[in-house]
Amino acid sequence: MKNKNDLAWLINPYTKSDFIGKFLENKPLIISRNDSNYYNELMSFEELDFITSNMSSLGSFDLRMASAEKVIFEKQYSNVSKIQNVEVKVKSNPRKVSELFHKHGATIILEQVSNVWPSILSLSNFVNQELMCSSGANIYISPPNSQGFEAHYDTHDVFIIQVHGSKRWKIYDNPIFLPLGTQPSVPYDSTDIVPAYDFILEQGDLIYIPKGFVHEAMTSNDISAHITLGIYNTTWARIILDCVSKLAVNSEILRSGFFVDDLKSSVSLDDKISLIQNEIINAINIENVKQVSTKYKPIKEEVSILNQVLSSKV
């Protein structure tokens, strides 16, 4: 029997080995379950109904709003105070949030909800441990007949967990293979492009989308709510940069000024690059790679401690 809120439960009926071998950082995975209650332990209808019918409760969340039709600025839904000519968000304004949601079709985004939602925190920690990643969760609540974002790609992988209602999703090809965080999505005109996937995601269903795949989603005649679990993998680029940073601590040549050397004209650029290349090649070895990667590994105790806390509340 699968544990609730772990990776195996999230991607059921696929196995972890199938997911890693066929889909992870490779292609989208769509799971249709025909089970509207599957994710009730993450977010029940009662919890969603409370949020949408009691907008005053949103003041305790880190909230933003979005619409594909127009840009929505923070001051349109937040109470803002002025401190020395700088506008600072105090908290969300329930009346403004409700008006933008019900009358203007804006999506409500509750950010970093694992900080306040124990069941989502549990899932996030299990996924971190099993996929050797870090993650963060947002809740997206969209009104009927709306679209929160234009077609775009993310620079991190995402699990889309449909907890209420349904959404039509279109997923296109990936114009950039596994883009870095410094390669954000540019406006993507999908008007004349046939999507690779075009489907309705029902309550209880799941999508996995690797970073770089362009996608968009729109609601029909009902409110839709989904949890996005963003997956942040440690790239080889990050590890190599850390190795070079570690090298620089003991390397005089790397700590010297690039343009200072040019001003002094004491060493040719070719000679300097050759010296640096040798130092970097020597620094990128198994021992250093293992050492710098250690800080990115999830701590196993996080899951066990969390389970103890949750068990004590049952």
C-alpha atoms as a PDB file:
ATOM      1  CA  MET A   1       0.000   0.000   0.000  1.00  0.00           C
ATOM      2  CA  LYS A   2       1.327   3.419  -0.935  1.00  0.00           C
ATOM      3  CA  ASN A   3       2.002   6.070   1.708  1.00  0.00           C
ATOM      4  CA  LYS A   4      -0.155   9.130   1.239  1.00  0.00           C
ATOM      5  CA  ASN A   5       1.728  12.278   0.217  1.00  0.00           C
ATOM      6  CA  ASP A   6       4.872  10.615  -1.139  1.00  0.00           C
ATOM      7  CA  LEU A   7       6.202  10.380  -4.689  1.00  0.00           C
ATOM      8  CA  ALA A   8       4.725   6.926  -5.393  1.00  0.00           C
ATOM      9  CA  TRP A   9       1.282   8.184  -4.370  1.00  0.00           C
ATOM     10  CA  LEU A  10       1.703  11.362  -6.410  1.00  0.00           C
ATOM     11  CA  ILE A  11       2.571   9.569  -9.680  1.00  0.00           C
ATOM     12  CA  ASN A  12       0.465   6.411  -9.177  1.00  0.00           C
ATOM     13  CA  PRO A  13       0.079   4.159 -11.220  1.00  0.00           C
ATOM     14  CA  TYR A  14       3.590   4.869 -12.552  1.00  0.00           C
ATOM     15  CA  THR A  15       6.583   3.653 -10.587  1.00  0.00           C
ATOM     16  CA  LYS A  16       9.477   5.820  -9.523  1.00  0.00           C
ATOM     17  CA  SER A  17      11.837   3.981 -11.903  1.00  0.00           C
ATOM     18  CA  ASP A  18       9.435   4.449 -14.844  1.00  0.00           C
ATOM     19  CA  PHE A  19       9.075   8.135 -14.072  1.00  0.00           C
ATOM     20  CA  ILE A  20      12.811   8.751 -13.756  1.00  0.00           C
ATOM     21  CA  GLY A  21      13.718   6.638 -16.782  1.00  0.00           C
ATOM     22  CA  LYS A  22      11.088   7.890 -19.224  1.00  0.00           C
ATOM     23  CA  PHE A  23       9.872  11.333 -18.127  1.00  0.00           C
ATOM     24  CA  LEU A  24      12.157  13.191 -15.709  1.00  0.00           C
ATOM     25  CA  GLU A  25      13.781  16.100 -17.602  1.00  0.00           C
ATOM     26  CA  ASN A  26      12.629  14.395 -20.817  1.00  0.00           C
ATOM     27  CA  LYS A  27       8.941  14.739 -21.677  1.00  0.00           C
ATOM     28  CA  PRO A  28       5.551  15.544 -20.094  1.00  0.00           C
ATOM     29  CA  LEU A  29       3.561  12.941 -18.194  1.00  0.00           C
ATOM     30  CA  ILE A  30      -0.241  13.104 -18.022  1.00  0.00           C
ATOM     31  CA  ILE A  31      -2.092  10.907 -15.535  1.00  0.00           C
ATOM     32  CA  SER A  32      -5.893  10.628 -15.777  1.00  0.00           C
ATOM     33  CA  ARG A  33      -7.396   8.773 -12.817  1.00  0.00           C
ATOM     34  CA  ASN A  34     -11.178   9.169 -12.930  1.00  0.00           C
ATOM     35  CA  ASP A  35     -10.987   9.659  -9.158  1.00  0.00           C
ATOM     36  CA  SER A  36     -12.081  13.131  -8.058  1.00  0.00           C
ATOM     37  CA  ASN A  37     -11.250  12.408  -4.408  1.00  0.00           C
ATOM     38  CA  TYR A  38      -7.662  11.308  -4.993  1.00  0.00           C
ATOM     39  CA  TYR A  39      -6.041  14.505  -3.692  1.00  0.00           C
ATOM     40  CA  ASN A  40      -8.525  15.290  -0.923  1.00  0.00           C
ATOM     41  CA  GLU A  41      -5.812  14.914   1.710  1.00  0.00           C
ATOM     42  CA  LEU A  42      -3.812  17.684   0.071  1.00  0.00           C
ATOM     43  CA  MET A  43      -6.667  20.150  -0.341  1.00  0.00           C
ATOM     44  CA  SER A  44     -10.313  19.313   0.252  1.00  0.00           C
ATOM     45  CA  PHE A  45     -13.293  21.009  -1.348  1.00  0.00           C
ATOM     46  CA  GLU A  46     -14.218  22.408   2.069  1.00  0.00           C
ATOM     47  CA  GLU A  47     -10.839  24.128   2.361  1.00  0.00           C
ATOM     48  CA  LEU A  48     -11.141  25.571  -1.133  1.00  0.00           C
ATOM     49  CA  ASP A  49     -14.720  26.702  -0.495  1.00  0.00           C
ATOM     50  CA  PHE A  50     -13.626  28.435   2.704  1.00  0.00           C
ATOM     51  CA  ILE A  51     -10.890  30.334   0.865  1.00  0.00           C
ATOM     52  CA  THR A  52     -13.051  31.473  -2.050  1.00  0.00           C
ATOM     53  CA  SER A  53     -16.089  32.392   0.086  1.00  0.00           C
ATOM     54  CA  ASN A  54     -14.103  34.068   2.872  1.00  0.00           C
ATOM     55  CA  MET A  55     -11.664  36.321   1.075  1.00  0.00           C
ATOM     56  CA  SER A  56     -10.706  37.847   4.439  1.00  0.00           C
ATOM     57  CA  SER A  57      -8.766  34.640   5.143  1.00  0.00           C
ATOM     58  CA  LEU A  58      -6.378  35.492   2.314  1.00  0.00           C
ATOM     59  CA  GLY A  59      -4.639  38.156   4.357  1.00  0.00           C
ATOM     60  CA  SER A  60      -2.552  35.429   6.014  1.00  0.00           C
ATOM     61  CA  PHE A  61      -1.186  34.155   2.681  1.00  0.00           C
ATOM     62  CA  ASP A  62       1.545  35.446   0.418  1.00  0.00           C
ATOM     63  CA  LEU A  63      -0.774  36.258  -2.475  1.00  0.00           C
ATOM     64  CA  ARG A  64      -0.561  37.609  -5.992  1.00  0.00           C
ATOM     65  CA  MET A  65      -2.997  37.750  -8.910  1.00  0.00           C
ATOM     66  CA  ALA A  66      -2.604  37.220 -12.637  1.00  0.00           C
ATOM     67  CA  SER A  67      -4.530  37.341 -15.885  1.00  0.00           C
ATOM     68  CA  ALA A  68      -3.517  36.492 -19.434  1.00  0.00           C
ATOM     69  CA  GLU A  69      -5.622  39.389 -20.709  1.00  0.00           C
ATOM     70  CA  LYS A  70      -3.863  42.209 -18.858  1.00  0.00           C
ATOM     71  CA  VAL A  71      -1.140  42.932 -16.340  1.00  0.00           C
ATOM     72  CA  ILE A  72      -2.423  43.141 -12.760  1.00  0.00           C
ATOM     73  CA  PHE A  73      -0.311  45.272 -10.451  1.00  0.00           C
ATOM     74  CA  GLU A  74       0.122  44.517  -6.761  1.00  0.00           C
ATOM     75  CA  LYS A  75      -1.470  47.782  -5.667  1.00  0.00           C
ATOM     76  CA  GLN A  76      -4.701  46.709  -7.399  1.00  0.00           C
ATOM     77  CA  TYR A  77      -5.341  44.019  -4.783  1.00  0.00           C
ATOM     78  CA  SER A  78      -3.172  44.980  -1.797  1.00  0.00           C
ATOM     79  CA  ASN A  79      -3.144  47.579   0.929  1.00  0.00           C
ATOM     80  CA  VAL A  80      -0.037  49.626   0.332  1.00  0.00           C
ATOM     81  CA  SER A  81       1.664  52.022   2.735  1.00  0.00           C
ATOM     82  CA  LYS A  82       4.277  54.604   1.881  1.00  0.00           C
ATOM     83  CA  ILE A  83       7.601  54.617   3.705  1.00  0.00           C
ATOM     84  CA  GLN A  84       9.964  57.406   2.652  1.00  0.00           C
ATOM     85  CA  ASN A  85       8.453  57.625  -0.837  1.00  0.00           C
ATOM     86  CA  VAL A  86       8.603  53.838  -1.275  1.00  0.00           C
ATOM     87  CA  GLU A  87       5.338  51.904  -1.601  1.00  0.00           C
ATOM     88  CA  VAL A  88       5.349  48.771   0.564  1.00  0.00           C
ATOM     89  CA  LYS A  89       2.714  46.011   0.437  1.00  0.00           C
ATOM     90  CA  VAL A  90       1.117  45.518   3.862  1.00  0.00           C
ATOM     91  CA  LYS A  91      -1.378  42.731   3.108  1.00  0.00           C
ATOM     92  CA  SER A  92      -3.957  41.700   0.541  1.00  0.00           C
ATOM     93  CA  ASN A  93      -7.230  43.616   0.387  1.00  0.00           C
ATOM     94  CA  PRO A  94     -10.088  41.036   0.440  1.00  0.00           C
ATOM     95  CA  ARG A  95     -12.578  43.333  -1.321  1.00  0.00           C
ATOM     96  CA  LYS A  96     -10.150  44.101  -4.165  1.00  0.00           C
ATOM     97  CA  VAL A  97      -9.135  40.437  -4.488  1.00  0.00           C
ATOM     98  CA  SER A  98     -12.779  39.349  -4.670  1.00  0.00           C
ATOM     99  CA  GLU A  99     -13.622  41.962  -7.319  1.00  0.00           C
ATOM    100  CA  LEU A 100     -10.674  41.018  -9.544  1.00  0.00           C
ATOM    101  CA  PHE A 101     -11.495  37.318  -9.160  1.00  0.00           C
ATOM    102  CA  HIS A 102     -15.278  37.432  -9.709  1.00  0.00           C
ATOM    103  CA  LYS A 103     -15.645  40.387 -12.084  1.00  0.00           C
ATOM    104  CA  HIS A 104     -12.391  40.471 -14.031  1.00  0.00           C
ATOM    105  CA  GLY A 105     -11.437  36.796 -14.283  1.00  0.00           C
ATOM    106  CA  ALA A 106      -8.127  37.081 -12.416  1.00  0.00           C
ATOM    107  CA  THR A 107      -6.424  34.018 -10.971  1.00  0.00           C
ATOM    108  CA  ILE A 108      -5.555  33.958  -7.263  1.00  0.00           C
ATOM    109  CA  ILE A 109      -2.087  32.585  -6.537  1.00  0.00           C
ATOM    110  CA  LEU A 110      -1.266  31.546  -2.968  1.00  0.00           C
ATOM    111  CA  GLU A 111       2.517  31.275  -2.839  1.00  0.00           C
ATOM    112  CA  GLN A 112       4.805  29.029  -0.787  1.00  0.00           C
ATOM    113  CA  VAL A 113       1.815  27.303   0.820  1.00  0.00           C
ATOM    114  CA  SER A 114       3.943  24.476   2.215  1.00  0.00           C
ATOM    115  CA  ASN A 115       4.869  26.958   4.946  1.00  0.00           C
ATOM    116  CA  VAL A 116       1.271  26.898   6.229  1.00  0.00           C
ATOM    117  CA  TRP A 117      -0.183  23.675   4.769  1.00  0.00           C
ATOM    118  CA  PRO A 118       1.183  20.549   6.573  1.00  0.00           C
ATOM    119  CA  SER A 119      -0.026  18.006   3.996  1.00  0.00           C
ATOM    120  CA  ILE A 120       1.655  19.908   1.148  1.00  0.00           C
ATOM    121  CA  LEU A 121       4.811  20.296   3.229  1.00  0.00           C
ATOM    122  CA  SER A 122       4.841  16.522   3.739  1.00  0.00           C
ATOM    123  CA  LEU A 123       4.540  15.861  -0.011  1.00  0.00           C
ATOM    124  CA  SER A 124       7.224  18.440  -0.793  1.00  0.00           C
ATOM    125  CA  ASN A 125       9.685  16.866   1.631  1.00  0.00           C
ATOM    126  CA  PHE A 126       9.103  13.337   0.330  1.00  0.00           C
ATOM    127  CA  VAL A 127       9.555  14.477  -3.281  1.00  0.00           C
ATOM    128  CA  ASN A 128      12.740  16.359  -2.348  1.00  0.00           C
ATOM    129  CA  GLN A 129      14.181  13.221  -0.809  1.00  0.00           C
ATOM    130  CA  GLU A 130      13.261  10.837  -3.626  1.00  0.00           C
ATOM    131  CA  LEU A 131      14.210  13.106  -6.553  1.00  0.00           C
ATOM    132  CA  MET A 132      17.222  14.741  -4.834  1.00  0.00           C
ATOM    133  CA  CYS A 133      15.822  18.210  -5.451  1.00  0.00           C
ATOM    134  CA  SER A 134      14.279  21.180  -3.693  1.00  0.00           C
ATOM    135  CA  SER A 135      10.682  22.236  -4.244  1.00  0.00           C
ATOM    136  CA  GLY A 136       8.075  24.878  -3.554  1.00  0.00           C
ATOM    137  CA  ALA A 137       4.293  24.813  -3.816  1.00  0.00           C
ATOM    138  CA  ASN A 138       1.746  27.399  -4.967  1.00  0.00           C
ATOM    139  CA  ILE A 139      -2.041  27.105  -5.202  1.00  0.00           C
ATOM    140  CA  TYR A 140      -3.752  28.549  -8.284  1.00  0.00           C
ATOM    141  CA  ILE A 141      -7.474  29.312  -8.029  1.00  0.00           C
ATOM    142  CA  SER A 142      -9.036  30.433 -11.313  1.00  0.00           C
ATOM    143  CA  PRO A 143     -12.591  31.684 -11.941  1.00  0.00           C
ATOM    144  CA  PRO A 144     -14.772  30.244 -14.731  1.00  0.00           C
ATOM    145  CA  ASN A 145     -13.894  30.996 -18.371  1.00  0.00           C
ATOM    146  CA  SER A 146     -10.499  32.493 -17.622  1.00  0.00           C
ATOM    147  CA  GLN A 147      -6.789  32.113 -18.338  1.00  0.00           C
ATOM    148  CA  GLY A 148      -4.190  33.161 -15.797  1.00  0.00           C
ATOM    149  CA  PHE A 149      -1.115  33.210 -18.037  1.00  0.00           C
ATOM    150  CA  GLU A 150      -0.270  33.346 -21.712  1.00  0.00           C
ATOM    151  CA  ALA A 151       1.654  30.467 -23.267  1.00  0.00           C
ATOM    152  CA  HIS A 152       5.079  30.253 -21.629  1.00  0.00           C
ATOM    153  CA  TYR A 153       7.692  27.831 -20.321  1.00  0.00           C
ATOM    154  CA  ASP A 154       9.108  27.567 -16.818  1.00  0.00           C
ATOM    155  CA  THR A 155      12.776  27.328 -15.892  1.00  0.00           C
ATOM    156  CA  HIS A 156      12.015  24.565 -13.384  1.00  0.00           C
ATOM    157  CA  ASP A 157      10.026  21.320 -13.602  1.00  0.00           C
ATOM    158  CA  VAL A 158       6.448  21.306 -12.327  1.00  0.00           C
ATOM    159  CA  PHE A 159       3.869  18.830 -11.070  1.00  0.00           C
ATOM    160  CA  ILE A 160       0.332  20.125 -11.690  1.00  0.00           C
ATOM    161  CA  ILE A 161      -2.038  18.586  -9.122  1.00  0.00           C
ATOM    162  CA  GLN A 162      -5.700  19.232 -10.004  1.00  0.00           C
ATOM    163  CA  VAL A 163      -7.621  19.428  -6.712  1.00  0.00           C
ATOM    164  CA  HIS A 164     -10.906  20.965  -7.868  1.00  0.00           C
ATOM    165  CA  GLY A 165     -12.769  21.477 -11.132  1.00  0.00           C
ATOM    166  CA  SER A 166     -11.015  21.068 -14.448  1.00  0.00           C
ATOM    167  CA  LYS A 167      -8.807  22.920 -16.907  1.00  0.00           C
ATOM    168  CA  ARG A 168      -7.976  22.577 -20.563  1.00  0.00           C
ATOM    169  CA  TRP A 169      -4.219  22.328 -21.023  1.00  0.00           C
ATOM    170  CA  LYS A 170      -2.139  22.773 -24.152  1.00  0.00           C
ATOM    171  CA  ILE A 171       1.502  21.726 -24.086  1.00  0.00           C
ATOM    172  CA  TYR A 172       3.833  22.582 -26.961  1.00  0.00           C
ATOM    173  CA  ASP A 173       7.412  21.583 -27.773  1.00  0.00           C
ATOM    174  CA  ASN A 174      10.413  22.906 -25.856  1.00  0.00           C
ATOM    175  CA  PRO A 175      12.204  25.703 -27.772  1.00  0.00           C
ATOM    176  CA  ILE A 176      15.091  25.488 -25.276  1.00  0.00           C
ATOM    177  CA  PHE A 177      16.196  22.160 -23.824  1.00  0.00           C
ATOM    178  CA  LEU A 178      16.293  22.456 -20.010  1.00  0.00           C
ATOM    179  CA  PRO A 179      16.660  26.275 -19.825  1.00  0.00           C
ATOM    180  CA  LEU A 180      18.587  27.834 -16.963  1.00  0.00           C
ATOM    181  CA  GLY A 181      17.023  30.337 -14.596  1.00  0.00           C
ATOM    182  CA  THR A 182      18.819  33.022 -16.614  1.00  0.00           C
ATOM    183  CA  GLN A 183      16.878  31.964 -19.742  1.00  0.00           C
ATOM    184  CA  PRO A 184      13.306  32.966 -18.868  1.00  0.00           C
ATOM    185  CA  SER A 185      10.431  32.476 -21.255  1.00  0.00           C
ATOM    186  CA  VAL A 186       9.774  35.117 -23.888  1.00  0.00           C
ATOM    187  CA  PRO A 187       6.286  35.831 -25.322  1.00  0.00           C
ATOM    188  CA  TYR A 188       5.210  32.755 -27.267  1.00  0.00           C
ATOM    189  CA  ASP A 189       2.633  33.103 -30.019  1.00  0.00           C
ATOM    190  CA  SER A 190       0.792  29.784 -30.112  1.00  0.00           C
ATOM    191  CA  THR A 191      -1.932  30.949 -32.506  1.00  0.00           C
ATOM    192  CA  ASP A 192      -0.868  28.898 -35.526  1.00  0.00           C
ATOM    193  CA  ILE A 193       0.943  26.113 -33.696  1.00  0.00           C
ATOM    194  CA  VAL A 194      -0.599  22.702 -33.088  1.00  0.00           C
ATOM    195  CA  PRO A 195       0.088  21.637 -29.487  1.00  0.00           C
ATOM    196  CA  ALA A 196       1.795  18.317 -28.836  1.00  0.00           C
ATOM    197  CA  TYR A 197      -0.799  17.695 -26.085  1.00  0.00           C
ATOM    198  CA  ASP A 198      -4.323  19.126 -25.852  1.00  0.00           C
ATOM    199  CA  PHE A 199      -6.503  17.697 -23.079  1.00  0.00           C
ATOM    200  CA  ILE A 200      -8.798  18.346 -20.124  1.00  0.00           C
ATOM    201  CA  LEU A 201      -7.240  17.862 -16.705  1.00  0.00           C
ATOM    202  CA  GLU A 202      -9.936  16.680 -14.319  1.00  0.00           C
ATOM    203  CA  GLN A 203     -10.053  16.761 -10.539  1.00  0.00           C
ATOM    204  CA  GLY A 204      -7.703  14.050  -9.209  1.00  0.00           C
ATOM    205  CA  ASP A 205      -5.456  14.108 -12.304  1.00  0.00           C
ATOM    206  CA  LEU A 206      -1.777  15.043 -12.581  1.00  0.00           C
ATOM    207  CA  ILE A 207       0.635  16.544 -15.105  1.00  0.00           C
ATOM    208  CA  TYR A 208       4.419  16.577 -14.956  1.00  0.00           C
ATOM    209  CA  ILE A 209       6.000  19.193 -17.239  1.00  0.00           C
ATOM    210  CA  PRO A 210       9.813  19.384 -17.560  1.00  0.00           C
ATOM    211  CA  LYS A 211      11.291  22.867 -17.701  1.00  0.00           C
ATOM    212  CA  GLY A 212      11.352  24.377 -21.174  1.00  0.00           C
ATOM    213  CA  PHE A 213       8.059  22.937 -22.461  1.00  0.00           C
ATOM    214  CA  VAL A 214       5.681  25.750 -23.441  1.00  0.00           C
ATOM    215  CA  HIS A 215       2.193  25.428 -21.940  1.00  0.00           C
ATOM    216  CA  GLU A 216      -1.029  27.287 -21.252  1.00  0.00           C
ATOM    217  CA  ALA A 217      -4.273  26.458 -19.462  1.00  0.00           C
ATOM    218  CA  MET A 218      -7.827  27.820 -19.356  1.00  0.00           C
ATOM    219  CA  THR A 219     -10.954  27.101 -17.326  1.00  0.00           C
ATOM    220  CA  SER A 220     -14.449  26.355 -18.603  1.00  0.00           C
ATOM    221  CA  ASN A 221     -17.690  26.960 -16.684  1.00  0.00           C
ATOM    222  CA  ASP A 222     -16.453  26.216 -13.171  1.00  0.00           C
ATOM    223  CA  ILE A 223     -13.849  27.381 -10.685  1.00  0.00           C
ATOM    224  CA  SER A 224     -10.595  25.461 -10.999  1.00  0.00           C
ATOM    225  CA  ALA A 225      -7.931  24.939  -8.367  1.00  0.00           C
ATOM    226  CA  HIS A 226      -4.603  23.208  -8.724  1.00  0.00           C
ATOM    227  CA  ILE A 227      -1.410  22.926  -6.730  1.00  0.00           C
ATOM    228  CA  THR A 228       1.816  23.517  -8.626  1.00  0.00           C
ATOM    229  CA  LEU A 229       4.773  21.759  -7.059  1.00  0.00           C
ATOM    230  CA  GLY A 230       7.855  23.372  -8.574  1.00  0.00           C
ATOM    231  CA  ILE A 231      10.913  21.108  -8.775  1.00  0.00           C
ATOM    232  CA  TYR A 232      14.371  22.702  -8.675  1.00  0.00           C
ATOM    233  CA  ASN A 233      17.184  20.366  -9.682  1.00  0.00           C
ATOM    234  CA  THR A 234      20.832  21.114  -9.011  1.00  0.00           C
ATOM    235  CA  THR A 235      22.444  21.539 -12.432  1.00  0.00           C
ATOM    236  CA  TRP A 236      25.934  20.557 -13.478  1.00  0.00           C
ATOM    237  CA  ALA A 237      26.487  24.248 -14.186  1.00  0.00           C
ATOM    238  CA  ARG A 238      25.839  24.995 -10.498  1.00  0.00           C
ATOM    239  CA  ILE A 239      28.259  22.279  -9.361  1.00  0.00           C
ATOM    240  CA  ILE A 240      31.018  23.428 -11.732  1.00  0.00           C
ATOM    241  CA  LEU A 241      30.569  27.052 -10.630  1.00  0.00           C
ATOM    242  CA  ASP A 242      30.853  25.969  -7.006  1.00  0.00           C
ATOM    243  CA  CYS A 243      34.041  24.052  -7.777  1.00  0.00           C
ATOM    244  CA  VAL A 244      35.528  27.152  -9.389  1.00  0.00           C
ATOM    245  CA  SER A 245      34.417  29.328  -6.452  1.00  0.00           C
ATOM    246  CA  LYS A 246      36.104  26.903  -4.076  1.00  0.00           C
ATOM    247  CA  LEU A 247      39.250  26.994  -6.212  1.00  0.00           C
ATOM    248  CA  ALA A 248      39.313  30.803  -6.170  1.00  0.00           C
ATOM    249  CA  VAL A 249      39.787  30.829  -2.400  1.00  0.00           C
ATOM    250  CA  ASN A 250      43.297  29.439  -2.879  1.00  0.00           C
ATOM    251  CA  SER A 251      44.037  30.749  -6.375  1.00  0.00           C
ATOM    252  CA  GLU A 252      45.796  34.081  -6.673  1.00  0.00           C
ATOM    253  CA  ILE A 253      45.279  34.182 -10.417  1.00  0.00           C
ATOM    254  CA  LEU A 254      41.478  33.855 -10.118  1.00  0.00           C
ATOM    255  CA  ARG A 255      41.312  36.554  -7.458  1.00  0.00           C
ATOM    256  CA  SER A 256      43.298  39.045  -9.492  1.00  0.00           C
ATOM    257  CA  GLY A 257      41.544  41.776 -11.463  1.00  0.00           C
ATOM    258  CA  PHE A 258      40.840  40.972 -15.097  1.00  0.00           C
ATOM    259  CA  PHE A 259      41.289  44.557 -16.347  1.00  0.00           C
ATOM    260  CA  VAL A 260      44.121  45.224 -13.901  1.00  0.00           C
ATOM    261  CA  ASP A 261      46.177  42.582 -15.674  1.00  0.00           C
ATOM    262  CA  ASP A 262      45.258  44.221 -18.976  1.00  0.00           C
ATOM    263  CA  LEU A 263      46.483  47.593 -17.682  1.00  0.00           C
ATOM    264  CA  LYS A 264      49.763  46.127 -16.450  1.00  0.00           C
ATOM    265  CA  SER A 265      50.360  44.191 -19.698  1.00  0.00           C
ATOM    266  CA  SER A 266      52.668  41.925 -17.728  1.00  0.00           C
ATOM    267  CA  VAL A 267      51.218  38.638 -18.972  1.00  0.00           C
ATOM    268  CA  SER A 268      49.568  37.902 -22.304  1.00  0.00           C
ATOM    269  CA  LEU A 269      45.880  37.009 -22.280  1.00  0.00           C
ATOM    270  CA  ASP A 270      46.612  33.665 -23.938  1.00  0.00           C
ATOM    271  CA  ASP A 271      49.109  32.721 -21.238  1.00  0.00           C
ATOM    272  CA  LYS A 272      46.746  33.783 -18.463  1.00  0.00           C
ATOM    273  CA  ILE A 273      43.848  31.761 -19.904  1.00  0.00           C
ATOM    274  CA  SER A 274      46.099  28.727 -20.265  1.00  0.00           C
ATOM    275  CA  LEU A 275      47.108  28.952 -16.584  1.00  0.00           C
ATOM    276  CA  ILE A 276      43.477  29.312 -15.495  1.00  0.00           C
ATOM    277  CA  GLN A 277      42.330  26.409 -17.662  1.00  0.00           C
ATOM    278  CA  ASN A 278      44.869  24.127 -16.012  1.00  0.00           C
ATOM    279  CA  GLU A 279      43.772  25.181 -12.529  1.00  0.00           C
ATOM    280  CA  ILE A 280      40.086  24.652 -13.333  1.00  0.00           C
ATOM    281  CA  ILE A 281      40.692  21.236 -14.926  1.00  0.00           C
ATOM    282  CA  ASN A 282      42.553  20.137 -11.813  1.00  0.00           C
ATOM    283  CA  ALA A 283      39.792  21.502  -9.551  1.00  0.00           C
ATOM    284  CA  ILE A 284      36.972  19.627 -11.268  1.00  0.00           C
ATOM    285  CA  ASN A 285      37.590  16.167  -9.864  1.00  0.00           C
ATOM    286  CA  ILE A 286      35.421  13.532  -8.189  1.00  0.00           C
ATOM    287  CA  GLU A 287      36.413  14.574  -4.679  1.00  0.00           C
ATOM    288  CA  ASN A 288      35.515  18.240  -5.186  1.00  0.00           C
ATOM    289  CA  VAL A 289      32.317  17.474  -7.098  1.00  0.00           C
ATOM    290  CA  LYS A 290      31.101  15.201  -4.302  1.00  0.00           C
ATOM    291  CA  GLN A 291      32.044  17.745  -1.663  1.00  0.00           C
ATOM    292  CA  VAL A 292      30.298  20.762  -3.205  1.00  0.00           C
ATOM    293  CA  SER A 293      27.214  18.722  -4.131  1.00  0.00           C
ATOM    294  CA  THR A 294      26.641  17.647  -0.526  1.00  0.00           C
ATOM    295  CA  LYS A 295      25.012  20.943   0.468  1.00  0.00           C
ATOM    296  CA  TYR A 296      22.305  20.463  -2.171  1.00  0.00           C
ATOM    297  CA  LYS A 297      21.217  17.022  -0.962  1.00  0.00           C
ATOM    298  CA  PRO A 298      17.923  16.997   0.999  1.00  0.00           C
ATOM    299  CA  ILE A 299      18.335  16.115   4.672  1.00  0.00           C
ATOM    300  CA  LYS A 300      16.740  12.751   5.420  1.00  0.00           C
ATOM    301  CA  GLU A 301      15.788  13.799   8.927  1.00  0.00           C
ATOM    302  CA  GLU A 302      13.416  16.444   7.504  1.00  0.00           C
ATOM    303  CA  VAL A 303      10.942  13.752   6.433  1.00  0.00           C
ATOM    304  CA  SER A 304      11.099  11.652   9.601  1.00  0.00           C
ATOM    305  CA  ILE A 305      10.792  14.669  11.910  1.00  0.00           C
ATOM    306  CA  LEU A 306       7.873  15.988   9.890  1.00  0.00           C
ATOM    307  CA  ASN A 307       6.091  12.631  10.121  1.00  0.00           C
ATOM    308  CA  GLN A 308       6.510  12.636  13.897  1.00  0.00           C
ATOM    309  CA  VAL A 309       4.949  16.088  14.092  1.00  0.00           C
ATOM    310  CA  LEU A 310       2.023  15.114  11.857  1.00  0.00           C
ATOM    311  CA  SER A 311       1.480  11.818  13.682  1.00  0.00           C
ATOM    312  CA  SER A 312       1.276  13.614  17.013  1.00  0.00           C
ATOM    313  CA  LYS A 313      -1.653  15.649  15.673  1.00  0.00           C
ATOM    314  CA  VAL A 314      -3.717  12.649  14.577  1.00  0.00           C
END
